[in-house]
Structure formats: structure tokens, C-alpha cells
Amino acid sequence: MSTLIEKIASDEAIDTAYEWLCKKRLHYHPNADVWQVRRWWHEKKPILQAQILSGNFQFRELRLIRGEEKSIEWWSSLDALVLNAMTIVLTEHLKPVLSPRCFHLAGNSGLKGAIAYSK
């Protein structure tokens, strides 16, 4: 039986998170860090997995980008990838103990389910 950390660092979780990252940041600026991650992924992936498994992975600071109309918080690409891998693993791990009335979770009918339940 593998630990949660081993599942997060697994090829399955990391590869799924990498595909998600590539899709989500496809139209990012040419100078964005996602392109370095993609270019050197074959080298970065085993290093990232080793850092996660050894407990040495550290998240970078969250960047705040202020615009005229709104501000956004922006995670580095590797941080976003690790957070997504954690989400993938924890969603599966917690699914058996979460209430089906947590309508904000994927697969629990969302707003329509909440309204139907409240009637």
C-alpha cells in the first residue's frame, strides 16, 4: 500500500497534472515559466518526483499580479502542477468519506443538485 506522498509523486498523478498544466497554460506569454517546464520536462520530472518523495519540494511564493480591473494570484508552473497532483490524489482518497451533499465537488450535481435537495 502506497502512502499519499508516493501517490502524489507517481507517474500517473504527475503525468495527469502535467497534461492539465499544458492545456491550461497553452496560451500563456512566450516568457512564462510553463515553456521552460515543457522544454525540459524529461529532466524536471524525475527531479520533481524525487523532491516530493524526499520531502524537499518547496512551493515558491505566490505572485500577485495587479491589473486595472482585477488582481490575480499566480502560482509558478511547477507549483500549479504539484497542487493539481495533490488534488487528484486527495479527491480519490477522500471520496469515500465525503458527504454526497457536498454539491461544490465534481460529480455531486452542483447547483442543480443543491437546489433539488433543498426543495
Protein backbone atom coordinates (compact mmCIF):
# COMPACT_ATOMS: atom_id res chain seq x y z
CA MET A 1 0.00 0.00 0.00
CA SER A 2 1.50 3.32 -1.01
CA THR A 3 1.40 6.49 1.02
CA LEU A 4 -0.31 9.65 -0.15
CA ILE A 5 3.09 11.21 -0.90
CA GLU A 6 4.02 8.22 -3.09
CA LYS A 7 0.70 8.54 -4.92
CA ILE A 8 1.24 12.28 -5.47
CA ALA A 9 4.74 11.62 -6.86
CA SER A 10 3.57 8.69 -9.01
CA ASP A 11 3.87 8.79 -12.79
CA GLU A 12 0.08 8.60 -13.07
CA ALA A 13 -0.64 11.67 -10.92
CA ILE A 14 2.31 13.72 -12.18
CA ASP A 15 1.60 12.91 -15.85
CA THR A 16 -2.09 13.77 -15.46
CA ALA A 17 -1.19 17.04 -13.74
CA TYR A 18 1.38 17.80 -16.46
CA GLU A 19 -1.25 17.31 -19.19
CA TRP A 20 -3.61 19.60 -17.26
CA LEU A 21 -0.87 22.24 -16.92
CA CYS A 22 -0.03 22.13 -20.63
CA LYS A 23 -3.69 22.54 -21.55
CA LYS A 24 -4.41 25.31 -19.02
CA ARG A 25 -1.34 27.37 -19.88
CA LEU A 26 -1.30 26.77 -23.63
CA HIS A 27 -1.86 30.43 -24.47
CA TYR A 28 0.47 31.92 -21.86
CA HIS A 29 3.03 34.55 -22.79
CA PRO A 30 6.18 33.21 -24.51
CA ASN A 31 8.24 34.27 -21.48
CA ALA A 32 6.06 32.37 -18.99
CA ASP A 33 7.78 29.64 -16.98
CA VAL A 34 5.46 26.96 -18.38
CA TRP A 35 7.54 26.86 -21.56
CA GLN A 36 10.71 26.07 -19.62
CA VAL A 37 8.86 23.32 -17.76
CA ARG A 38 7.63 21.86 -21.04
CA ARG A 39 11.00 22.19 -22.79
CA TRP A 40 12.92 20.44 -20.00
CA TRP A 41 10.14 18.16 -18.70
CA HIS A 42 12.12 14.96 -19.37
CA GLU A 43 14.76 16.27 -16.94
CA LYS A 44 12.49 18.09 -14.49
CA LYS A 45 10.01 15.26 -13.91
CA PRO A 46 12.34 12.79 -12.12
CA ILE A 47 13.86 15.63 -10.07
CA LEU A 48 10.39 16.85 -9.06
CA GLN A 49 9.29 13.33 -8.12
CA ALA A 50 12.44 12.82 -6.02
CA GLN A 51 11.88 16.16 -4.25
CA ILE A 52 8.28 15.23 -3.42
CA LEU A 53 9.24 11.76 -2.18
CA SER A 54 12.10 13.07 -0.04
CA GLY A 55 10.02 15.90 1.42
CA ASN A 56 12.31 18.53 -0.08
CA PHE A 57 9.87 20.10 -2.54
CA GLN A 58 9.19 23.73 -1.63
CA PHE A 59 6.47 25.90 -3.06
CA ARG A 60 7.60 29.24 -4.41
CA GLU A 61 5.93 32.46 -3.36
CA LEU A 62 2.50 33.18 -4.78
CA ARG A 63 2.69 36.11 -7.18
CA LEU A 64 0.08 38.84 -7.07
CA ILE A 65 -0.45 40.48 -10.43
CA ARG A 66 -2.45 43.69 -10.19
CA GLY A 67 -4.39 44.92 -13.17
CA GLU A 68 -6.59 47.95 -13.63
CA GLU A 69 -9.81 45.99 -13.27
CA LYS A 70 -8.75 42.99 -11.18
CA SER A 71 -5.85 41.29 -9.48
CA ILE A 72 -4.92 37.65 -9.86
CA GLU A 73 -2.82 35.29 -7.79
CA TRP A 74 -0.43 33.24 -9.89
CA TRP A 75 1.37 30.02 -8.94
CA SER A 76 4.57 29.03 -10.70
CA SER A 77 4.04 26.23 -13.22
CA LEU A 78 5.71 23.54 -11.10
CA ASP A 79 3.75 24.64 -8.04
CA ALA A 80 0.49 24.51 -10.00
CA LEU A 81 1.42 21.05 -11.28
CA VAL A 82 2.14 19.73 -7.77
CA LEU A 83 -1.06 21.29 -6.40
CA ASN A 84 -3.02 19.61 -9.19
CA ALA A 85 -1.36 16.24 -8.48
CA MET A 86 -2.28 16.67 -4.81
CA THR A 87 -5.86 17.48 -5.80
CA ILE A 88 -6.08 14.38 -7.99
CA VAL A 89 -4.82 12.09 -5.23
CA LEU A 90 -6.75 13.68 -2.35
CA THR A 91 -10.01 13.75 -4.30
CA GLU A 92 -9.79 9.99 -4.78
CA HIS A 93 -8.61 9.41 -1.20
CA LEU A 94 -11.37 11.48 0.42
CA LYS A 95 -14.22 10.46 -1.89
CA PRO A 96 -15.43 7.59 0.36
CA VAL A 97 -15.75 9.82 3.45
CA LEU A 98 -17.21 12.97 1.91
CA SER A 99 -20.92 13.58 2.01
CA PRO A 100 -22.78 13.34 -1.30
CA ARG A 101 -24.31 16.66 -0.21
CA CYS A 102 -21.01 18.46 -0.82
CA PHE A 103 -22.51 19.83 -4.01
CA HIS A 104 -19.50 22.00 -4.83
CA LEU A 105 -17.45 18.85 -5.57
CA ALA A 106 -17.29 17.41 -9.08
CA GLY A 107 -19.81 14.65 -9.63
CA ASN A 108 -22.23 15.79 -6.91
CA SER A 109 -24.72 17.59 -9.20
CA GLY A 110 -23.52 21.12 -8.45
CA LEU A 111 -26.02 23.94 -8.08
CA LYS A 112 -28.88 21.92 -9.60
CA GLY A 113 -28.33 19.15 -7.05
CA ALA A 114 -28.22 21.63 -4.18
CA ILE A 115 -31.47 23.26 -5.29
CA ALA A 116 -33.18 19.90 -5.76
CA TYR A 117 -32.03 18.77 -2.31
CA SER A 118 -33.30 21.93 -0.64
CA LYS A 119 -36.84 21.57 -2.05
